[in-house]
Protein backbone atom coordinates (compact mmCIF):
# COMPACT_ATOMS: atom_id res chain seq x y z
CA MET A 1 20.35 -10.99 -12.90
CA PRO A 2 21.32 -14.47 -14.34
CA HIS A 3 22.05 -17.07 -11.69
CA PRO A 4 25.70 -18.44 -11.37
CA LYS A 5 27.11 -21.01 -13.44
CA PRO A 6 28.23 -24.06 -11.31
CA ALA A 7 25.67 -26.99 -12.23
CA THR A 8 27.18 -29.77 -10.41
CA LEU A 9 28.36 -30.14 -6.72
CA GLY A 10 31.91 -30.56 -7.85
CA GLN A 11 31.83 -27.25 -9.70
CA LEU A 12 29.97 -25.55 -6.72
CA LYS A 13 32.82 -26.70 -4.30
CA ALA A 14 35.74 -25.01 -6.44
CA THR A 15 33.76 -21.71 -5.81
CA SER A 16 33.86 -19.44 -3.00
CA TYR A 17 30.18 -20.40 -1.79
CA ARG A 18 29.80 -21.35 1.76
CA TYR A 19 26.69 -22.52 3.56
CA ARG A 20 24.73 -20.18 5.73
CA THR A 21 21.39 -20.88 7.52
CA VAL A 22 18.67 -18.66 6.53
CA LYS A 23 18.71 -16.68 9.57
CA GLN A 24 22.45 -16.13 9.28
CA GLU A 25 21.94 -15.12 5.71
CA LEU A 26 19.37 -12.64 6.70
CA ARG A 27 21.58 -11.30 9.54
CA GLU A 28 24.72 -10.80 7.39
CA ASN A 29 22.88 -9.36 4.58
CA LEU A 30 21.28 -7.05 6.93
CA VAL A 31 24.48 -6.06 8.43
CA GLN A 32 25.98 -5.21 5.06
CA ARG A 33 22.67 -3.00 4.36
CA LEU A 34 23.26 -1.02 7.57
CA ARG A 35 26.88 -0.30 6.74
CA ASP A 36 26.14 0.67 3.25
CA GLY A 37 23.33 3.04 4.44
CA ARG A 38 20.67 1.45 2.29
CA GLU A 39 17.04 1.70 3.07
CA LEU A 40 15.72 -1.26 4.62
CA PHE A 41 12.03 -1.15 3.85
CA PRO A 42 11.50 1.36 1.00
CA GLY A 43 8.09 2.87 0.98
CA ILE A 44 7.26 2.20 4.60
CA LEU A 45 6.75 5.53 6.15
CA GLY A 46 6.47 6.39 9.92
CA TYR A 47 8.28 3.52 11.22
CA ARG A 48 11.81 4.75 11.11
CA GLN A 49 12.38 5.24 14.74
CA THR A 50 9.69 2.83 16.06
CA VAL A 51 9.04 -0.46 14.27
CA ILE A 52 12.08 -0.81 12.11
CA PRO A 53 14.48 -0.87 15.08
CA GLN A 54 12.46 -3.86 16.48
CA VAL A 55 12.80 -5.76 13.13
CA VAL A 56 16.58 -4.89 12.88
CA ASN A 57 17.22 -6.30 16.30
CA ALA A 58 15.11 -9.50 15.54
CA ILE A 59 17.05 -10.49 12.44
CA LEU A 60 20.24 -9.49 14.26
CA SER A 61 19.22 -12.04 17.18
CA ARG A 62 18.04 -14.68 14.28
CA HIS A 63 14.51 -14.62 15.89
CA ASP A 64 11.26 -15.78 14.35
CA MET A 65 8.96 -12.75 14.33
CA LEU A 66 5.48 -11.88 14.92
CA PHE A 67 3.91 -8.65 13.72
CA LEU A 68 1.33 -7.55 15.91
CA GLY A 69 -1.01 -4.63 15.17
CA LEU A 70 -4.23 -3.57 13.95
CA ARG A 71 -5.51 -3.59 10.37
CA GLY A 72 -3.94 -1.29 7.90
CA GLN A 73 -0.74 -0.96 9.65
CA ALA A 74 1.74 -2.60 6.82
CA LYS A 75 2.43 -5.85 8.62
CA THR A 76 1.96 -7.95 5.34
CA ARG A 77 3.73 -5.40 3.28
CA MET A 78 6.70 -5.56 5.51
CA LEU A 79 6.70 -9.34 5.50
CA ARG A 80 6.77 -9.38 1.69
CA MET A 81 9.93 -7.12 1.72
CA LEU A 82 11.98 -9.64 4.02
CA PRO A 83 13.06 -11.67 1.13
CA GLU A 84 14.96 -8.82 -0.23
CA LEU A 85 17.51 -9.52 2.65
CA MET A 86 18.25 -12.85 1.41
CA ASP A 87 20.74 -13.67 -1.26
CA GLU A 88 19.41 -13.31 -4.76
CA TRP A 89 20.32 -16.93 -5.71
CA VAL A 90 21.24 -19.94 -3.64
CA PRO A 91 22.21 -23.45 -4.78
CA VAL A 92 19.88 -26.43 -4.08
CA LEU A 93 20.02 -30.12 -4.99
CA ALA A 94 18.18 -30.70 -8.21
CA GLY A 95 15.27 -33.23 -8.42
CA LEU A 96 14.41 -32.80 -4.79
CA GLU A 97 10.87 -32.14 -3.38
CA ILE A 98 12.55 -30.21 -0.58
CA PRO A 99 15.08 -27.64 -1.42
CA ASP A 100 18.21 -28.86 0.34
CA ASP A 101 21.75 -27.41 0.37
CA PRO A 102 24.46 -29.14 -1.73
CA LEU A 103 27.06 -28.90 0.98
CA GLU A 104 25.17 -29.43 4.07
CA PRO A 105 21.93 -31.43 3.18
CA SER A 106 19.59 -31.67 5.96
CA THR A 107 17.15 -34.44 4.62
CA THR A 108 17.85 -37.96 4.34
CA MET A 109 16.97 -37.67 0.59
CA GLY A 110 19.33 -35.13 -0.08
CA ARG A 111 22.12 -36.84 1.86
CA ARG A 112 21.39 -40.21 -0.11
CA LEU A 113 21.48 -38.27 -3.42
CA VAL A 114 25.10 -36.68 -2.56
CA GLN A 115 26.16 -40.16 -1.40
CA ALA A 116 25.03 -41.82 -4.45
CA GLN A 117 26.09 -39.13 -7.05
CA GLY A 118 29.08 -37.57 -5.39
CA TYR A 119 30.51 -34.58 -7.17
CA ASP A 120 28.16 -35.27 -10.10
CA ALA A 121 25.05 -34.49 -8.11
CA GLN A 122 23.01 -31.81 -10.10
CA VAL A 123 22.78 -28.31 -8.60
CA ARG A 124 19.77 -25.87 -9.51
CA TRP A 125 19.98 -22.11 -8.45
CA MET A 126 16.83 -20.90 -6.69
CA HIS A 127 16.04 -17.32 -6.83
CA ARG A 128 14.91 -15.64 -3.52
CA SER A 129 11.37 -15.06 -4.85
CA GLU A 130 11.06 -18.81 -4.79
CA ARG A 131 12.20 -19.00 -1.11
CA TYR A 132 9.20 -16.93 0.24
CA HIS A 133 6.01 -18.62 0.86
CA GLU A 134 2.83 -17.09 2.60
CA LYS A 135 -0.18 -18.81 3.71
CA LEU A 136 -3.39 -16.91 5.19
CA ALA A 137 -4.71 -18.67 8.23
CA THR A 138 -8.20 -19.82 8.12
CA PRO A 139 -10.22 -22.14 10.44
CA ASP A 140 -10.17 -24.80 7.71
CA VAL A 141 -6.20 -25.03 7.32
CA THR A 142 -4.79 -28.54 8.42
CA ILE A 143 -1.63 -29.94 9.77
CA ALA A 144 -1.26 -31.56 6.32
CA ASP A 145 -1.34 -28.16 4.57
CA LEU A 146 1.47 -26.88 6.86
CA ILE A 147 3.35 -29.84 7.75
CA GLY A 148 2.37 -32.72 5.45
CA GLU A 149 0.86 -36.06 5.31
CA ILE A 150 1.32 -39.89 4.75
CA ASP A 151 1.15 -40.65 1.02
CA ILE A 152 -0.92 -43.93 0.94
CA VAL A 153 0.26 -44.50 -2.81
CA LYS A 154 4.05 -44.32 -1.82
CA HIS A 155 3.37 -46.36 1.18
CA ALA A 156 1.43 -48.87 -1.21
CA GLU A 157 4.50 -49.24 -3.35
CA GLY A 158 6.47 -50.93 -0.40
CA ARG A 159 8.29 -47.86 1.19
CA TYR A 160 8.67 -47.80 5.01
CA LEU A 161 6.56 -45.23 6.78
CA SER A 162 9.80 -44.23 8.45
CA ASP A 163 11.04 -43.06 5.12
CA GLU A 164 10.80 -39.32 4.11
CA SER A 165 10.08 -40.51 0.63
CA THR A 166 6.57 -41.76 1.82
CA MET A 167 5.43 -38.25 2.54
CA HIS A 168 3.53 -35.62 0.76
CA PHE A 169 5.15 -32.50 2.37
CA GLY A 170 3.13 -29.22 3.23
CA LEU A 171 3.98 -25.62 2.85
CA ILE A 172 6.57 -25.45 5.71
CA PRO A 173 9.03 -28.22 4.57
CA ARG A 174 8.70 -27.09 1.12
CA THR A 175 10.08 -23.71 2.39
CA ASN A 176 13.14 -25.26 3.68
CA ARG A 177 16.10 -22.79 2.93
CA GLY A 178 13.62 -19.93 2.85
CA LEU A 179 11.12 -17.88 4.82
CA PHE A 180 7.72 -18.77 5.53
CA ALA A 181 4.94 -16.44 6.52
CA ILE A 182 1.55 -16.98 8.25
CA ASN A 183 -1.04 -14.17 8.04
CA GLU A 184 -3.57 -13.78 10.90
CA LEU A 185 -2.17 -16.44 13.16
CA PRO A 186 -5.07 -16.40 15.76
CA ASP A 187 -7.24 -17.72 12.99
CA LEU A 188 -5.63 -21.03 13.14
CA ALA A 189 -7.20 -23.62 15.26
CA PRO A 190 -5.46 -24.09 18.48
CA ARG A 191 -4.55 -27.74 17.71
CA ILE A 192 -3.04 -26.51 14.36
CA GLN A 193 -0.83 -23.71 16.15
CA VAL A 194 0.28 -26.66 18.55
CA GLY A 195 1.57 -28.30 15.48
CA LEU A 196 4.20 -25.40 14.91
CA PHE A 197 5.79 -25.92 18.35
CA ASN A 198 8.51 -28.25 17.29
CA VAL A 199 9.10 -25.99 14.05
CA LEU A 200 9.84 -23.00 16.22
CA GLU A 201 11.79 -24.48 18.92
CA GLU A 202 13.51 -27.84 17.73
CA ARG A 203 13.41 -26.87 14.04
CA ASP A 204 11.96 -30.12 13.03
CA VAL A 205 8.61 -31.65 12.13
CA GLN A 206 6.98 -34.88 12.91
CA ILE A 207 4.23 -36.24 10.75
CA ARG A 208 1.32 -38.35 11.81
CA GLY A 209 3.17 -39.61 14.92
CA TYR A 210 5.62 -41.62 12.91
CA PRO A 211 9.44 -41.33 13.59
CA ILE A 212 10.24 -39.17 10.78
CA ARG A 213 12.15 -36.08 11.48
CA LEU A 214 13.01 -33.29 9.19
CA ASN A 215 15.58 -30.91 10.12
CA LEU A 216 14.27 -27.66 8.55
CA ASP A 217 16.32 -24.54 7.88
CA VAL A 218 13.42 -22.03 7.70
CA CYS A 219 12.68 -18.53 9.21
CA LEU A 220 9.07 -18.17 10.39
CA VAL A 221 7.17 -14.85 10.50
CA PHE A 222 3.67 -14.21 11.51
CA THR A 223 1.02 -11.37 11.71
CA ALA A 224 -1.70 -11.06 14.15
CA ASN A 225 -4.25 -8.50 15.46
CA PRO A 226 -4.15 -7.89 19.10
CA GLU A 227 -5.80 -10.71 21.13
CA ASP A 228 -8.68 -8.54 22.18
CA TYR A 229 -9.83 -8.23 18.60
CA THR A 230 -13.48 -9.17 18.78
CA ASN A 231 -14.83 -12.51 17.46
CA ARG A 232 -11.27 -13.71 16.64
CA GLY A 233 -9.05 -16.54 18.07
CA ARG A 234 -6.30 -16.32 20.18
CA ILE A 235 -2.45 -17.37 20.00
CA VAL A 236 -1.97 -20.17 22.39
CA THR A 237 0.55 -19.23 25.02
CA PRO A 238 3.21 -21.74 24.43
CA LEU A 239 3.45 -20.65 20.69
CA LYS A 240 3.87 -17.18 21.74
CA ASP A 241 6.52 -18.28 23.86
CA ARG A 242 8.53 -19.73 21.27
CA ILE A 243 8.43 -16.64 18.73
CA GLY A 244 11.75 -14.79 19.33
CA SER A 245 10.40 -11.27 18.83
CA VAL A 246 7.00 -9.72 18.75
CA ILE A 247 7.02 -6.68 16.62
CA ARG A 248 4.47 -3.88 17.54
CA THR A 249 3.19 -1.83 14.75
CA HIS A 250 1.07 1.61 15.01
CA TYR A 251 -0.98 4.08 13.16
CA PRO A 252 0.75 7.29 12.04
CA ALA A 253 1.75 9.42 15.05
CA THR A 254 1.14 12.61 13.20
CA VAL A 255 -1.27 14.13 10.59
CA GLU A 256 1.71 15.15 8.46
CA GLU A 257 3.00 11.42 8.57
CA ALA A 258 -0.46 10.04 7.61
CA MET A 259 -0.72 12.54 4.72
CA SER A 260 2.64 11.30 3.55
CA ILE A 261 1.41 7.83 3.77
CA THR A 262 -1.72 8.47 1.76
CA ARG A 263 0.09 10.40 -0.94
CA ALA A 264 2.55 7.48 -1.42
CA ASN A 265 -0.16 4.90 -1.60
CA ALA A 266 -3.27 6.43 -3.16
CA TRP A 267 -4.05 6.88 -6.96
CA LEU A 268 -4.25 10.59 -6.84
CA ASP A 269 -2.26 11.43 -10.13
CA ARG A 270 -4.78 10.37 -12.90
CA ASP A 271 -2.38 11.36 -15.65
CA PRO A 272 -2.27 8.45 -18.10
CA ALA A 273 1.51 8.49 -18.53
CA ALA A 274 1.89 8.56 -14.63
CA SER A 275 -0.73 5.64 -14.50
CA GLY A 276 1.48 3.33 -16.76
CA ALA A 277 -0.81 3.65 -19.70
CA THR A 278 0.47 2.83 -23.06
CA ALA A 279 0.84 5.22 -25.89
CA ARG A 280 -1.96 3.18 -27.94
CA THR A 281 -4.38 3.25 -24.78
CA ARG A 282 -3.84 7.06 -24.50
CA SER A 283 -4.33 7.75 -28.20
CA GLN A 284 -7.60 5.78 -28.11
CA GLY A 285 -9.17 7.74 -25.27
CA GLY A 286 -8.05 5.92 -21.82
CA ALA A 287 -7.66 8.83 -19.17
CA ALA A 288 -6.81 11.52 -21.97
CA GLY A 289 -9.14 14.54 -21.86
CA LEU A 290 -10.07 14.17 -18.50
CA PRO A 291 -9.85 17.24 -16.21
CA LYS A 292 -6.57 17.61 -13.98
CA VAL A 293 -7.68 17.54 -10.35
CA THR A 294 -5.59 19.12 -7.66
CA VAL A 295 -6.27 18.46 -3.91
CA PRO A 296 -5.51 21.44 -1.62
CA ASP A 297 -3.51 20.57 1.19
CA TYR A 298 -6.13 21.74 3.70
CA LEU A 299 -8.64 19.16 2.44
CA HIS A 300 -6.09 16.34 2.54
CA ARG A 301 -5.56 17.54 5.93
CA VAL A 302 -9.51 17.17 6.71
CA ILE A 303 -9.41 13.73 5.82
CA GLU A 304 -6.59 12.79 7.75
CA GLU A 305 -7.91 14.70 10.92
CA ALA A 306 -11.18 12.78 10.36
CA VAL A 307 -9.58 9.41 10.33
CA THR A 308 -7.51 10.50 13.58
CA LEU A 309 -10.85 11.41 15.18
CA ALA A 310 -12.27 8.22 14.29
CA ARG A 311 -9.33 6.29 16.08
CA LYS A 312 -10.29 8.15 19.30
CA SER A 313 -14.02 7.93 18.98
CA PRO A 314 -15.99 6.10 21.69
CA HIS A 315 -18.57 5.24 19.17
CA ILE A 316 -16.20 3.31 17.35
CA ASN A 317 -14.75 -0.34 18.43
CA GLN A 318 -11.03 0.66 18.92
CA ALA A 319 -10.10 -2.98 19.19
CA SER A 320 -10.94 -3.34 15.36
CA GLY A 321 -8.96 -0.28 14.45
CA VAL A 322 -9.44 2.34 11.76
CA SER A 323 -7.33 1.24 8.62
CA VAL A 324 -4.93 3.50 6.87
CA ARG A 325 -6.97 2.13 3.76
CA MET A 326 -9.54 4.58 4.77
CA SER A 327 -7.62 7.56 4.25
CA ILE A 328 -6.38 6.09 0.85
CA ALA A 329 -9.83 5.44 -0.31
CA CYS A 330 -11.07 8.79 0.88
CA ALA A 331 -8.22 10.66 -1.02
CA GLU A 332 -8.97 8.49 -4.10
CA ASN A 333 -12.75 9.32 -4.02
CA LEU A 334 -12.05 13.01 -3.51
CA VAL A 335 -10.00 13.18 -6.77
CA SER A 336 -13.06 11.19 -8.48
CA SER A 337 -15.63 13.53 -7.24
CA GLY A 338 -13.40 16.45 -8.66
CA GLU A 339 -13.07 14.58 -12.02
CA ARG A 340 -16.81 13.97 -12.20
CA ARG A 341 -17.57 17.60 -11.71
CA GLY A 342 -14.95 18.71 -14.53
CA ILE A 343 -16.53 16.12 -17.00
CA ILE A 344 -19.92 17.57 -16.03
CA THR A 345 -19.05 21.16 -16.48
CA GLY A 346 -16.61 20.69 -19.04
CA GLU A 347 -13.62 22.29 -17.15
CA GLU A 348 -9.96 21.16 -17.94
CA ARG A 349 -8.90 21.81 -14.48
CA VAL A 350 -10.46 21.33 -11.25
CA VAL A 351 -9.47 21.92 -7.60
CA ALA A 352 -11.21 19.88 -5.10
CA ARG A 353 -13.72 21.41 -2.60
CA VAL A 354 -15.71 21.06 0.39
CA CYS A 355 -18.80 19.69 -1.42
CA ASP A 356 -16.61 16.62 -2.57
CA LEU A 357 -16.51 15.65 1.08
CA ALA A 358 -20.00 14.51 0.91
CA HIS A 359 -18.93 11.71 -1.44
CA LEU A 360 -16.38 10.04 0.84
CA VAL A 361 -19.09 8.37 3.01
CA ALA A 362 -18.94 5.55 0.49
CA SER A 363 -15.21 5.24 0.97
CA CYS A 364 -15.61 4.76 4.87
CA ARG A 365 -18.34 2.09 4.84
CA GLY A 366 -17.06 -1.28 6.04
CA LYS A 367 -13.88 0.43 7.57
CA LEU A 368 -15.38 1.70 10.73
CA GLU A 369 -16.68 -1.14 13.21
CA LEU A 370 -19.32 0.67 15.49
CA MET A 371 -19.98 -0.40 19.12
CA LEU A 372 -22.88 -3.00 19.05
CA ALA A 373 -25.14 -0.69 20.94
CA GLU A 374 -24.85 1.99 18.29
CA ASP A 375 -25.21 -0.20 15.36
CA GLY A 376 -28.38 0.94 13.49
CA GLN A 377 -29.55 1.99 10.13
CA ASN A 378 -27.17 4.65 8.52
CA THR A 379 -25.52 5.12 11.95
CA ASP A 380 -22.09 4.83 10.36
CA ASP A 381 -23.11 7.23 7.82
CA LYS A 382 -24.16 9.74 10.26
CA LEU A 383 -20.93 9.26 12.28
CA VAL A 384 -18.58 9.78 9.13
CA VAL A 385 -20.61 12.98 8.35
CA SER A 386 -19.99 14.25 11.93
CA LEU A 387 -16.31 13.15 11.84
CA PHE A 388 -15.68 15.21 8.76
CA GLY A 389 -17.57 18.30 10.36
CA GLU A 390 -15.34 18.14 13.23
CA ALA A 391 -12.36 17.75 11.17
CA VAL A 392 -13.26 20.81 8.99
CA LYS A 393 -13.83 22.92 12.26
CA GLY A 394 -10.19 21.72 13.67
CA VAL A 395 -8.39 22.51 10.40
CA PHE A 396 -10.04 25.87 10.08
CA ALA A 397 -9.31 26.92 13.57
CA LYS A 398 -5.82 26.48 13.08
CA VAL A 399 -5.47 28.98 10.17
CA ALA A 400 -8.29 31.47 10.95
CA ASP A 401 -10.44 33.19 13.56
CA LEU A 402 -14.20 32.47 13.14
CA ASP A 403 -15.21 35.81 14.77
CA ASP A 404 -13.46 37.82 11.64
CA TYR A 405 -16.39 36.55 9.61
CA GLU A 406 -19.48 37.69 11.45
CA GLU A 407 -20.32 40.33 8.99
CA ILE A 408 -20.55 37.37 6.28
CA ALA A 409 -22.63 35.35 8.77
CA GLU A 410 -24.99 38.30 9.46
CA GLN A 411 -26.12 38.69 5.83
CA PHE A 412 -27.50 35.08 5.58
CA LYS A 413 -29.63 35.80 8.73
CA GLU A 414 -31.35 38.23 6.62
CA GLY A 415 -32.48 35.63 4.34
CA LEU A 416 -29.70 35.49 1.78
CA THR A 417 -29.21 31.91 0.02
CA LEU A 418 -25.78 30.91 -1.59
CA ALA A 419 -25.92 27.83 -3.93
CA VAL A 420 -23.01 25.59 -3.98
CA GLY A 421 -22.50 21.99 -4.90
CA ASP A 422 -20.36 19.52 -6.73
CA ASP A 423 -22.00 20.24 -10.15
CA VAL A 424 -21.33 24.02 -10.07
CA ALA A 425 -18.23 25.17 -11.89
CA ALA A 426 -15.66 27.19 -10.23
CA MET A 427 -16.54 30.38 -12.30
CA GLU A 428 -20.09 30.10 -11.28
CA GLN A 429 -19.19 29.39 -7.84
CA VAL A 430 -17.18 32.71 -7.56
CA ALA A 431 -20.09 34.57 -9.33
CA ASN A 432 -22.40 33.42 -6.75
CA MET A 433 -19.99 34.54 -4.01
CA LYS A 434 -19.87 38.09 -5.16
CA HIS A 435 -23.62 38.30 -4.03
CA VAL A 436 -22.40 38.23 -0.50
CA THR A 437 -20.66 41.47 0.57
CA GLY A 438 -17.05 40.79 1.58
CA LEU A 439 -17.01 37.03 0.86
CA VAL A 440 -14.75 37.14 -2.14
CA LYS A 441 -12.41 39.22 -0.27
CA ALA A 442 -12.43 37.06 2.87
CA ALA A 443 -12.12 33.86 0.59
CA GLY A 444 -8.93 35.80 -0.91
CA GLU A 445 -7.48 36.35 2.44
CA LEU A 446 -8.20 32.74 3.52
CA ALA A 447 -6.64 31.24 0.39
CA LYS A 448 -3.58 33.11 1.05
CA LYS A 449 -3.61 31.43 4.78
CA LEU A 450 -4.31 28.01 3.06
CA GLY A 451 -1.36 28.37 0.72
CA LEU A 452 -3.65 28.87 -2.30
CA ASP A 453 -3.62 31.48 -5.11
CA PRO A 454 -6.47 33.74 -4.52
CA LYS A 455 -6.26 34.92 -8.25
CA ASP A 456 -6.86 31.54 -9.49
CA GLU A 457 -10.82 31.22 -9.61
CA HIS A 458 -10.67 27.50 -9.00
CA GLN A 459 -8.78 27.97 -5.54
CA LEU A 460 -10.74 30.99 -4.82
CA ALA A 461 -13.81 29.10 -5.07
CA SER A 462 -12.48 26.08 -2.91
CA ALA A 463 -11.24 28.64 -0.08
CA GLY A 464 -14.72 30.26 -0.38
CA GLU A 465 -16.67 27.23 0.18
CA PHE A 466 -14.17 26.16 2.91
CA LEU A 467 -15.15 29.35 4.75
CA LEU A 468 -18.89 28.80 4.31
CA GLU A 469 -18.52 25.08 5.71
CA ALA A 470 -16.41 26.25 8.74
CA LEU A 471 -19.29 28.76 9.57
CA TYR A 472 -21.69 25.91 9.10
CA VAL A 473 -20.04 23.33 11.37
CA ASN A 474 -19.60 26.28 14.08
CA ASN A 475 -23.56 26.76 13.87
CA ARG A 476 -23.22 30.33 12.28
CA LEU A 477 -25.06 28.93 9.06
CA SER A 478 -27.43 26.24 7.99
CA LYS A 479 -26.97 24.11 4.95
CA HIS A 480 -29.77 22.58 3.02
CA ALA A 481 -29.22 19.67 0.50
CA GLY A 482 -32.11 19.13 -1.95
CA ALA A 483 -33.02 17.96 -5.34
CA LYS A 484 -31.89 21.56 -6.77
CA GLY A 485 -28.59 21.22 -5.15
CA THR A 486 -27.01 22.39 -1.92
CA SER A 487 -27.06 25.96 -0.39
CA TYR A 488 -26.16 27.87 2.73
CA ARG A 489 -28.62 29.76 4.59
CA GLY A 490 -29.15 31.86 7.58
């Protein structure tokens, strides 16, 4: 939307505009959203009854906030949605290095400008996107980066050190009339954290010990991992004491919640139209002509169960956490594995199968931090395979009884071998299954329990392989992977 028209202080005073601090502005706009029943954080799932009420209370209390939680818990994403609670446009005095309100200037420079030009002082309208600044905390961040520094050139021109005009301002003063975020607060050196004390409590800054005070109107928000996160710094205690509210985030409480989050964030629909590709790109190829991949609900559930097990595993450093990004990356690679099979076999439509899970190890590397005593060559890969095996076992147990398939397992003990693999087309897979008495029928019954169509050979092949994998992870069958492909044996 275009900004309002007033271009001078006189014109602004003739309007209904009134000065509000940033925190008061956030509070009043939040109240209006709550009354209108509008969603506060669109796309943030699983936090409606837990995290969002904490954020609402903090804003109503006009607090600075610290989002505390493990990696992959949408902390930064929520920070970047907070500016939506600010007015779309606010007036500031034009020509100043620090944004300042025309009616209530808080800086010496702003007051001088209004005193010198009066009602003719120029006003510019600042969009809320300009009022949000974010800084990733790293050990090399300095006070000059955040607060500011003496500008020697300006001082050499004859200006006094007590004059604001001799300053080169840092990010926080430049965010006056806005919202400033610091990501990974513990990574800031303790002496830099101390430099934030005055900003949080007295709402002013002092530079280089000179008697220069800037009365700032800014809301500060931070993110941090819990303090016991290994090899990380700490938030100094007096700084924590000055932060109004600490918002605790968490991982999805249920598998269903986790599945919803993954579906909302993963690139699962590879249709070029859904991917935002232009008509010209689609006509030139792009994703056109690629097989359509469907991920059955049970396989998505296996991924989320495996991630949930990882968050409880004693072999994984739980202080580091297991990010939701692992679920997202696994779901995307599951689709890609199905795409690859469809391209190789020439199938126009593909249903993901258990064989695709073998390719998800690459999605998990770097997302699990093992306990130091267990950190060895390929240890993480073996652990991931084990987690997916346990997940298959758990998901299968909820829909079927393993004892019902003893007759199928007995046939393999007599020397039967069934070839499967991610390069085998669904039609060929079903044809191979027919060599095992009762397997096709059992797969059809299991398909119904899984919500699949047993008359569709793609879905039937997926259900049949799930059944065989369940027998394998429960030690009823063995599985051999070699140069000629994968096969189940007795």
